[in-house]
C-alpha atoms as a PDB file:
ATOM      1  CA  MET A   1     -35.095 -18.797  32.127  1.00  0.00           C
ATOM      2  CA  LEU A   2     -35.541 -17.284  35.922  1.00  0.00           C
ATOM      3  CA  LEU A   3     -33.483 -18.844  38.598  1.00  0.00           C
ATOM      4  CA  ARG A   4     -34.747 -18.706  42.355  1.00  0.00           C
ATOM      5  CA  ILE A   5     -31.629 -19.409  44.469  1.00  0.00           C
ATOM      6  CA  ASP A   6     -31.297 -19.154  47.963  1.00  0.00           C
ATOM      7  CA  SER A   7     -28.590 -16.748  48.841  1.00  0.00           C
ATOM      8  CA  ALA A   8     -27.614 -18.929  51.943  1.00  0.00           C
ATOM      9  CA  ARG A   9     -26.684 -22.144  49.555  1.00  0.00           C
ATOM     10  CA  LEU A  10     -25.529 -19.604  46.832  1.00  0.00           C
ATOM     11  CA  HIS A  11     -22.694 -18.435  49.238  1.00  0.00           C
ATOM     12  CA  ASP A  12     -21.845 -22.222  50.269  1.00  0.00           C
ATOM     13  CA  ARG A  13     -21.862 -23.537  46.967  1.00  0.00           C
ATOM     14  CA  LEU A  14     -19.072 -20.163  45.759  1.00  0.00           C
ATOM     15  CA  GLN A  15     -17.181 -21.157  49.237  1.00  0.00           C
ATOM     16  CA  GLN A  16     -17.044 -25.059  48.268  1.00  0.00           C
ATOM     17  CA  ARG A  17     -15.588 -23.865  44.476  1.00  0.00           C
ATOM     18  CA  ARG A  18     -13.232 -21.020  45.133  1.00  0.00           C
ATOM     19  CA  GLU A  19     -10.272 -22.713  44.810  1.00  0.00           C
ATOM     20  CA  MET A  20     -11.405 -23.503  41.120  1.00  0.00           C
ATOM     21  CA  ILE A  21     -12.847 -20.490  40.199  1.00  0.00           C
ATOM     22  CA  GLY A  22     -10.685 -17.942  38.687  1.00  0.00           C
ATOM     23  CA  PHE A  23      -7.962 -20.067  36.154  1.00  0.00           C
ATOM     24  CA  GLY A  24      -9.773 -18.640  33.219  1.00  0.00           C
ATOM     25  CA  SER A  25      -9.554 -21.383  30.523  1.00  0.00           C
ATOM     26  CA  ARG A  26      -7.875 -24.240  29.204  1.00  0.00           C
ATOM     27  CA  ALA A  27      -7.371 -22.652  25.828  1.00  0.00           C
ATOM     28  CA  ALA A  28      -5.918 -19.007  27.523  1.00  0.00           C
ATOM     29  CA  HIS A  29      -3.509 -20.802  29.649  1.00  0.00           C
ATOM     30  CA  LEU A  30      -1.876 -22.733  26.607  1.00  0.00           C
ATOM     31  CA  VAL A  31      -1.977 -19.598  25.051  1.00  0.00           C
ATOM     32  CA  ALA A  32       0.323 -18.075  27.908  1.00  0.00           C
ATOM     33  CA  VAL A  33       2.307 -21.116  28.052  1.00  0.00           C
ATOM     34  CA  VAL A  34       3.570 -20.667  24.493  1.00  0.00           C
ATOM     35  CA  GLU A  35       3.954 -16.819  25.003  1.00  0.00           C
ATOM     36  CA  GLY A  36       5.757 -17.677  28.236  1.00  0.00           C
ATOM     37  CA  VAL A  37       8.284 -19.683  26.105  1.00  0.00           C
ATOM     38  CA  PHE A  38       8.790 -17.071  23.687  1.00  0.00           C
ATOM     39  CA  LEU A  39       9.166 -14.476  26.666  1.00  0.00           C
ATOM     40  CA  ILE A  40      12.173 -16.305  28.022  1.00  0.00           C
ATOM     41  CA  LEU A  41      13.811 -16.804  24.406  1.00  0.00           C
ATOM     42  CA  THR A  42      13.480 -13.082  23.507  1.00  0.00           C
ATOM     43  CA  ALA A  43      14.795 -12.251  27.128  1.00  0.00           C
ATOM     44  CA  VAL A  44      18.244 -14.612  26.729  1.00  0.00           C
ATOM     45  CA  THR A  45      19.085 -13.656  23.710  1.00  0.00           C
ATOM     46  CA  THR A  46      18.528  -9.753  23.989  1.00  0.00           C
ATOM     47  CA  SER A  47      21.029  -7.497  23.635  1.00  0.00           C
ATOM     48  CA  MET A  48      20.178  -5.715  27.134  1.00  0.00           C
ATOM     49  CA  GLY A  49      23.208  -5.485  30.014  1.00  0.00           C
ATOM     50  CA  TYR A  50      23.826  -8.616  32.034  1.00  0.00           C
ATOM     51  CA  TRP A  51      21.525  -7.817  34.604  1.00  0.00           C
ATOM     52  CA  TRP A  52      18.516  -6.647  33.467  1.00  0.00           C
ATOM     53  CA  ARG A  53      18.838  -9.669  31.363  1.00  0.00           C
ATOM     54  CA  ILE A  54      18.922 -11.857  33.847  1.00  0.00           C
ATOM     55  CA  GLY A  55      16.149 -10.314  35.744  1.00  0.00           C
ATOM     56  CA  PHE A  56      13.852  -9.953  32.603  1.00  0.00           C
ATOM     57  CA  VAL A  57      14.862 -14.097  32.046  1.00  0.00           C
ATOM     58  CA  VAL A  58      13.801 -14.307  35.799  1.00  0.00           C
ATOM     59  CA  VAL A  59      10.622 -12.412  35.008  1.00  0.00           C
ATOM     60  CA  ALA A  60       9.537 -14.391  32.507  1.00  0.00           C
ATOM     61  CA  THR A  61      10.227 -17.564  33.353  1.00  0.00           C
ATOM     62  CA  VAL A  62       8.102 -17.461  36.437  1.00  0.00           C
ATOM     63  CA  VAL A  63       5.225 -15.535  34.233  1.00  0.00           C
ATOM     64  CA  THR A  64       5.273 -18.754  32.393  1.00  0.00           C
ATOM     65  CA  LEU A  65       5.487 -21.762  35.393  1.00  0.00           C
ATOM     66  CA  TYR A  66       2.664 -19.783  36.231  1.00  0.00           C
ATOM     67  CA  ALA A  67       0.841 -20.519  32.963  1.00  0.00           C
ATOM     68  CA  VAL A  68       2.058 -23.899  33.201  1.00  0.00           C
ATOM     69  CA  ILE A  69       0.588 -24.608  36.576  1.00  0.00           C
ATOM     70  CA  SER A  70      -2.578 -22.377  35.634  1.00  0.00           C
ATOM     71  CA  VAL A  71      -2.946 -25.271  32.759  1.00  0.00           C
ATOM     72  CA  ILE A  72      -2.390 -28.267  34.968  1.00  0.00           C
ATOM     73  CA  ILE A  73      -5.205 -26.771  37.568  1.00  0.00           C
ATOM     74  CA  THR A  74      -7.568 -26.327  34.346  1.00  0.00           C
ATOM     75  CA  TRP A  75      -7.215 -29.607  32.742  1.00  0.00           C
ATOM     76  CA  SER A  76      -7.165 -31.688  36.186  1.00  0.00           C
ATOM     77  CA  LYS A  77      -9.833 -30.168  37.770  1.00  0.00           C
ATOM     78  CA  GLY A  78     -11.996 -29.827  34.549  1.00  0.00           C
ATOM     79  CA  TYR A  79     -14.187 -27.098  35.855  1.00  0.00           C
ATOM     80  CA  ASN A  80     -15.169 -23.866  33.566  1.00  0.00           C
ATOM     81  CA  ALA A  81     -17.912 -21.342  33.481  1.00  0.00           C
ATOM     82  CA  ASP A  82     -20.577 -24.354  32.163  1.00  0.00           C
ATOM     83  CA  ASP A  83     -19.782 -26.686  34.999  1.00  0.00           C
ATOM     84  CA  LEU A  84     -20.738 -23.585  37.917  1.00  0.00           C
ATOM     85  CA  TYR A  85     -23.445 -22.520  35.538  1.00  0.00           C
ATOM     86  CA  GLN A  86     -25.195 -26.159  36.042  1.00  0.00           C
ATOM     87  CA  GLU A  87     -24.429 -25.805  39.808  1.00  0.00           C
ATOM     88  CA  MET A  88     -26.202 -22.476  39.647  1.00  0.00           C
ATOM     89  CA  VAL A  89     -28.978 -24.290  38.182  1.00  0.00           C
ATOM     90  CA  ALA A  90     -29.440 -26.953  40.063  1.00  0.00           C
ATOM     91  CA  LEU A  91     -29.772 -24.608  42.960  1.00  0.00           C
ATOM     92  CA  ASP A  92     -32.937 -23.391  41.402  1.00  0.00           C
ATOM     93  CA  ARG A  93     -35.847 -23.514  44.310  1.00  0.00           C
ATOM     94  CA  THR A  94     -38.314 -23.847  41.219  1.00  0.00           C
ATOM     95  CA  GLU A  95     -39.907 -27.024  41.371  1.00  0.00           C
ATOM     96  CA  ARG A  96     -41.391 -27.470  37.958  1.00  0.00           C
ATOM     97  CA  ARG A  97     -42.244 -25.209  35.286  1.00  0.00           C
ATOM     98  CA  SER A  98     -45.475 -26.556  33.551  1.00  0.00           C
ATOM     99  CA  SER A  99     -48.002 -24.854  30.821  1.00  0.00           C
ATOM    100  CA  ILE A 100     -51.729 -25.921  31.510  1.00  0.00           C
ATOM    101  CA  ILE A 101     -53.997 -26.490  28.589  1.00  0.00           C
ATOM    102  CA  ALA A 102     -57.722 -25.022  29.639  1.00  0.00           C
ATOM    103  CA  ILE A 103     -60.342 -26.825  27.321  1.00  0.00           C
ATOM    104  CA  ASN A 104     -64.025 -25.502  27.959  1.00  0.00           C
ATOM    105  CA  ASP A 105     -67.343 -27.326  27.319  1.00  0.00           C
ATOM    106  CA  GLY A 106     -69.654 -24.380  28.871  1.00  0.00           C
ATOM    107  CA  ASN A 107     -68.679 -23.878  32.030  1.00  0.00           C
ATOM    108  CA  ARG A 108     -67.222 -27.525  32.151  1.00  0.00           C
ATOM    109  CA  TYR A 109     -63.166 -28.380  31.785  1.00  0.00           C
ATOM    110  CA  LEU A 110     -61.210 -30.906  30.468  1.00  0.00           C
ATOM    111  CA  LEU A 111     -59.671 -33.112  33.204  1.00  0.00           C
ATOM    112  CA  TYR A 112     -57.297 -36.338  32.837  1.00  0.00           C
ATOM    113  CA  HIS A 113     -56.238 -38.876  35.605  1.00  0.00           C
ATOM    114  CA  ASP A 114     -52.378 -38.553  36.672  1.00  0.00           C
ATOM    115  CA  THR A 115     -52.272 -42.159  37.749  1.00  0.00           C
ATOM    116  CA  ALA A 116     -48.682 -41.329  40.220  1.00  0.00           C
ATOM    117  CA  TRP A 117     -50.467 -38.478  41.819  1.00  0.00           C
ATOM    118  CA  ASP A 118     -54.090 -40.586  41.682  1.00  0.00           C
ATOM    119  CA  CYS A 119     -55.111 -36.572  41.036  1.00  0.00           C
ATOM    120  CA  ASP A 120     -57.477 -35.176  38.036  1.00  0.00           C
ATOM    121  CA  PHE A 121     -55.538 -33.042  36.444  1.00  0.00           C
ATOM    122  CA  PHE A 122     -56.073 -30.195  33.236  1.00  0.00           C
ATOM    123  CA  PRO A 123     -53.839 -31.644  30.583  1.00  0.00           C
ATOM    124  CA  ASN A 124     -50.462 -30.077  31.177  1.00  0.00           C
ATOM    125  CA  HIS A 125     -46.770 -29.897  29.740  1.00  0.00           C
ATOM    126  CA  PRO A 126     -43.334 -29.294  30.832  1.00  0.00           C
ATOM    127  CA  THR A 127     -42.592 -25.427  29.468  1.00  0.00           C
ATOM    128  CA  SER A 128     -40.175 -25.108  27.103  1.00  0.00           C
ATOM    129  CA  GLU A 129     -37.669 -21.643  27.148  1.00  0.00           C
ATOM    130  CA  ASN A 130     -38.947 -20.888  23.649  1.00  0.00           C
ATOM    131  CA  ASP A 131     -42.421 -19.621  23.538  1.00  0.00           C
ATOM    132  CA  GLU A 132     -42.814 -20.732  19.606  1.00  0.00           C
ATOM    133  CA  ASP A 133     -41.545 -23.943  20.190  1.00  0.00           C
ATOM    134  CA  ASN A 134     -43.279 -24.179  23.815  1.00  0.00           C
ATOM    135  CA  LEU A 135     -46.767 -23.667  21.258  1.00  0.00           C
ATOM    136  CA  ARG A 136     -45.551 -26.869  19.066  1.00  0.00           C
ATOM    137  CA  ARG A 137     -44.855 -28.688  21.423  1.00  0.00           C
ATOM    138  CA  LEU A 138     -48.369 -28.333  23.204  1.00  0.00           C
ATOM    139  CA  THR A 139     -50.325 -28.235  20.193  1.00  0.00           C
ATOM    140  CA  ARG A 140     -48.486 -32.048  19.309  1.00  0.00           C
ATOM    141  CA  TYR A 141     -48.935 -33.107  23.003  1.00  0.00           C
ATOM    142  CA  LEU A 142     -53.273 -32.461  22.738  1.00  0.00           C
ATOM    143  CA  SER A 143     -53.418 -33.321  19.671  1.00  0.00           C
ATOM    144  CA  ASP A 144     -51.562 -37.006  20.243  1.00  0.00           C
ATOM    145  CA  GLY A 145     -52.237 -37.706  24.215  1.00  0.00           C
ATOM    146  CA  PHE A 146     -56.102 -36.728  23.787  1.00  0.00           C
ATOM    147  CA  ASP A 147     -56.443 -37.683  19.668  1.00  0.00           C
ATOM    148  CA  ILE A 148     -57.864 -34.702  18.637  1.00  0.00           C
ATOM    149  CA  PRO A 149     -56.560 -33.416  15.043  1.00  0.00           C
ATOM    150  CA  GLN A 150     -54.237 -30.408  15.381  1.00  0.00           C
ATOM    151  CA  SER A 151     -56.784 -28.834  12.769  1.00  0.00           C
ATOM    152  CA  ASP A 152     -59.813 -28.927  15.398  1.00  0.00           C
ATOM    153  CA  PHE A 153     -57.936 -26.764  17.516  1.00  0.00           C
ATOM    154  CA  THR A 154     -56.262 -22.970  18.567  1.00  0.00           C
ATOM    155  CA  LEU A 155     -54.305 -22.457  21.454  1.00  0.00           C
ATOM    156  CA  VAL A 156     -54.250 -19.065  22.828  1.00  0.00           C
ATOM    157  CA  ARG A 157     -51.873 -18.065  25.675  1.00  0.00           C
ATOM    158  CA  VAL A 158     -53.359 -16.600  28.651  1.00  0.00           C
ATOM    159  CA  ALA A 159     -51.430 -15.597  31.627  1.00  0.00           C
ATOM    160  CA  HIS A 160     -48.265 -16.846  33.684  1.00  0.00           C
ATOM    161  CA  GLU A 161     -48.469 -17.235  37.105  1.00  0.00           C
ATOM    162  CA  ASN A 162     -45.537 -17.806  40.049  1.00  0.00           C
ATOM    163  CA  HIS A 163     -46.957 -20.306  42.858  1.00  0.00           C
ATOM    164  CA  GLU A 164     -45.026 -20.849  46.152  1.00  0.00           C
ATOM    165  CA  LYS A 165     -46.626 -23.906  47.505  1.00  0.00           C
ATOM    166  CA  TYR A 166     -45.048 -26.886  50.100  1.00  0.00           C
ATOM    167  CA  SER A 167     -43.093 -30.085  48.072  1.00  0.00           C
ATOM    168  CA  THR A 168     -43.594 -33.058  49.509  1.00  0.00           C
ATOM    169  CA  GLU A 169     -40.395 -34.001  48.173  1.00  0.00           C
ATOM    170  CA  HIS A 170     -37.806 -31.482  49.132  1.00  0.00           C
ATOM    171  CA  HIS A 171     -39.475 -30.634  52.604  1.00  0.00           C
ATOM    172  CA  GLU A 172     -39.475 -26.906  51.978  1.00  0.00           C
ATOM    173  CA  LYS A 173     -41.278 -24.689  49.939  1.00  0.00           C
ATOM    174  CA  ARG A 174     -40.273 -24.192  46.429  1.00  0.00           C
ATOM    175  CA  TRP A 175     -41.983 -22.158  43.623  1.00  0.00           C
ATOM    176  CA  TYR A 176     -44.171 -24.095  40.533  1.00  0.00           C
ATOM    177  CA  GLU A 177     -44.149 -21.848  37.485  1.00  0.00           C
ATOM    178  CA  TYR A 178     -47.270 -21.742  35.158  1.00  0.00           C
ATOM    179  CA  THR A 179     -47.942 -20.571  31.465  1.00  0.00           C
ATOM    180  CA  LEU A 180     -51.636 -20.765  31.116  1.00  0.00           C
ATOM    181  CA  TYR A 181     -53.055 -21.422  27.545  1.00  0.00           C
ATOM    182  CA  HIS A 182     -56.668 -21.467  26.409  1.00  0.00           C
ATOM    183  CA  ALA A 183     -57.750 -24.516  23.420  1.00  0.00           C
ATOM    184  CA  ASP A 184     -60.783 -23.030  21.626  1.00  0.00           C
ATOM    185  CA  ILE A 185     -62.514 -26.263  19.647  1.00  0.00           C
ATOM    186  CA  ILE A 186     -63.240 -26.435  16.408  1.00  0.00           C
ATOM    187  CA  ARG A 187     -64.690 -29.636  16.221  1.00  0.00           C
ATOM    188  CA  MET A 188     -64.907 -31.781  19.142  1.00  0.00           C
ATOM    189  CA  PRO A 189     -64.081 -35.414  19.031  1.00  0.00           C
ATOM    190  CA  GLN A 190     -66.817 -37.576  19.607  1.00  0.00           C
ATOM    191  CA  ALA A 191     -65.352 -39.689  22.986  1.00  0.00           C
ATOM    192  CA  TRP A 192     -65.434 -36.365  24.047  1.00  0.00           C
ATOM    193  CA  ARG A 193     -69.000 -35.766  23.912  1.00  0.00           C
ATOM    194  CA  HIS A 194     -69.118 -38.108  26.901  1.00  0.00           C
ATOM    195  CA  ASP A 195     -68.941 -37.153  30.353  1.00  0.00           C
ATOM    196  CA  GLN A 196     -66.002 -39.676  30.903  1.00  0.00           C
ATOM    197  CA  PHE A 197     -64.394 -41.121  28.148  1.00  0.00           C
ATOM    198  CA  HIS A 198     -60.816 -42.750  27.569  1.00  0.00           C
ATOM    199  CA  VAL A 199     -58.207 -41.830  25.128  1.00  0.00           C
ATOM    200  CA  ASP A 200     -54.742 -42.530  24.231  1.00  0.00           C
ATOM    201  CA  SER A 201     -54.594 -44.849  27.990  1.00  0.00           C
ATOM    202  CA  LYS A 202     -56.052 -42.226  29.478  1.00  0.00           C
ATOM    203  CA  ASP A 203     -59.430 -41.871  31.458  1.00  0.00           C
ATOM    204  CA  CYS A 204     -60.634 -38.074  30.894  1.00  0.00           C
ATOM    205  CA  LEU A 205     -63.493 -36.265  32.225  1.00  0.00           C
ATOM    206  CA  TRP A 206     -65.505 -32.938  32.866  1.00  0.00           C
ATOM    207  CA  MET A 207     -65.697 -30.864  35.889  1.00  0.00           C
ATOM    208  CA  THR A 208     -66.600 -27.441  36.915  1.00  0.00           C
ATOM    209  CA  VAL A 209     -64.739 -25.306  39.061  1.00  0.00           C
ATOM    210  CA  GLU A 210     -66.865 -26.058  41.720  1.00  0.00           C
ATOM    211  CA  GLN A 211     -67.044 -29.384  41.595  1.00  0.00           C
ATOM    212  CA  MET A 212     -63.162 -29.488  41.433  1.00  0.00           C
ATOM    213  CA  MET A 213     -62.894 -27.309  44.793  1.00  0.00           C
ATOM    214  CA  ASP A 214     -65.219 -30.139  46.238  1.00  0.00           C
ATOM    215  CA  ASN A 215     -62.961 -32.732  45.642  1.00  0.00           C
ATOM    216  CA  PRO A 216     -60.139 -33.392  48.751  1.00  0.00           C
ATOM    217  CA  ILE A 217     -57.721 -34.632  46.601  1.00  0.00           C
ATOM    218  CA  ILE A 218     -57.771 -31.956  43.560  1.00  0.00           C
ATOM    219  CA  ARG A 219     -58.167 -29.313  46.230  1.00  0.00           C
ATOM    220  CA  GLU A 220     -54.969 -30.736  47.957  1.00  0.00           C
ATOM    221  CA  ARG A 221     -52.521 -31.072  45.473  1.00  0.00           C
ATOM    222  CA  ASN A 222     -53.875 -28.658  42.845  1.00  0.00           C
ATOM    223  CA  ALA A 223     -55.959 -25.728  44.063  1.00  0.00           C
ATOM    224  CA  ASP A 224     -53.450 -23.720  43.076  1.00  0.00           C
ATOM    225  CA  VAL A 225     -53.611 -23.760  39.254  1.00  0.00           C
ATOM    226  CA  VAL A 226     -57.678 -24.647  39.704  1.00  0.00           C
ATOM    227  CA  GLY A 227     -57.181 -20.932  41.350  1.00  0.00           C
ATOM    228  CA  MET A 228     -55.624 -19.888  38.181  1.00  0.00           C
ATOM    229  CA  VAL A 229     -58.065 -21.153  35.808  1.00  0.00           C
ATOM    230  CA  ARG A 230     -61.303 -19.694  38.027  1.00  0.00           C
ATOM    231  CA  ARG A 231     -59.332 -15.974  38.129  1.00  0.00           C
ATOM    232  CA  ARG A 232     -58.107 -16.170  34.419  1.00  0.00           C
ATOM    233  CA  LEU A 233     -60.948 -17.434  32.121  1.00  0.00           C
END
């Protein structure tokens, strides 16, 4: 997964966490404490001269105390590499990773009405990082969500594009990653043969690319995806 992080925000976050970074893992410090204890015992029982033995004990004690302090810090703050990674992921400026399914009937494409956005979209689903898993999820999504048996279509990956556009939620430009698939329909469901139809609580319709671009709502909210379909198919 590619992360897009603003360098200034990354610098600020690392500065905020600088006191937590560099203490290593809890297990490593616990081992260091045990080793320090044995080091002290070795220093006390060594046959070296008196002053050499004192120096050895002092050094061993300092090392052990540092290990104990490190254990306290790592356990009390509970901060590790996984925590830092999750914070870096949270800084990612990629707004959405979506897989788009283009289904055509001649020069018309299947759309469904998204009530939350009040806009007609191509069938889409969040993209999984693994391609095979993503294909399985998309196949199940299209079959279950649009009432078509999995044996009646095949999905083919067409392209991957990154688009930068303004996010109304974050009030800044964000990146959108789209993976385009084309569905080859082997047998079209009877319901799909109408210009408009209803399946699985979805209102669906067929539109040409020109009709989509003439629609002001689609043009405002989804013109980049429509353009990708027009270029790639």
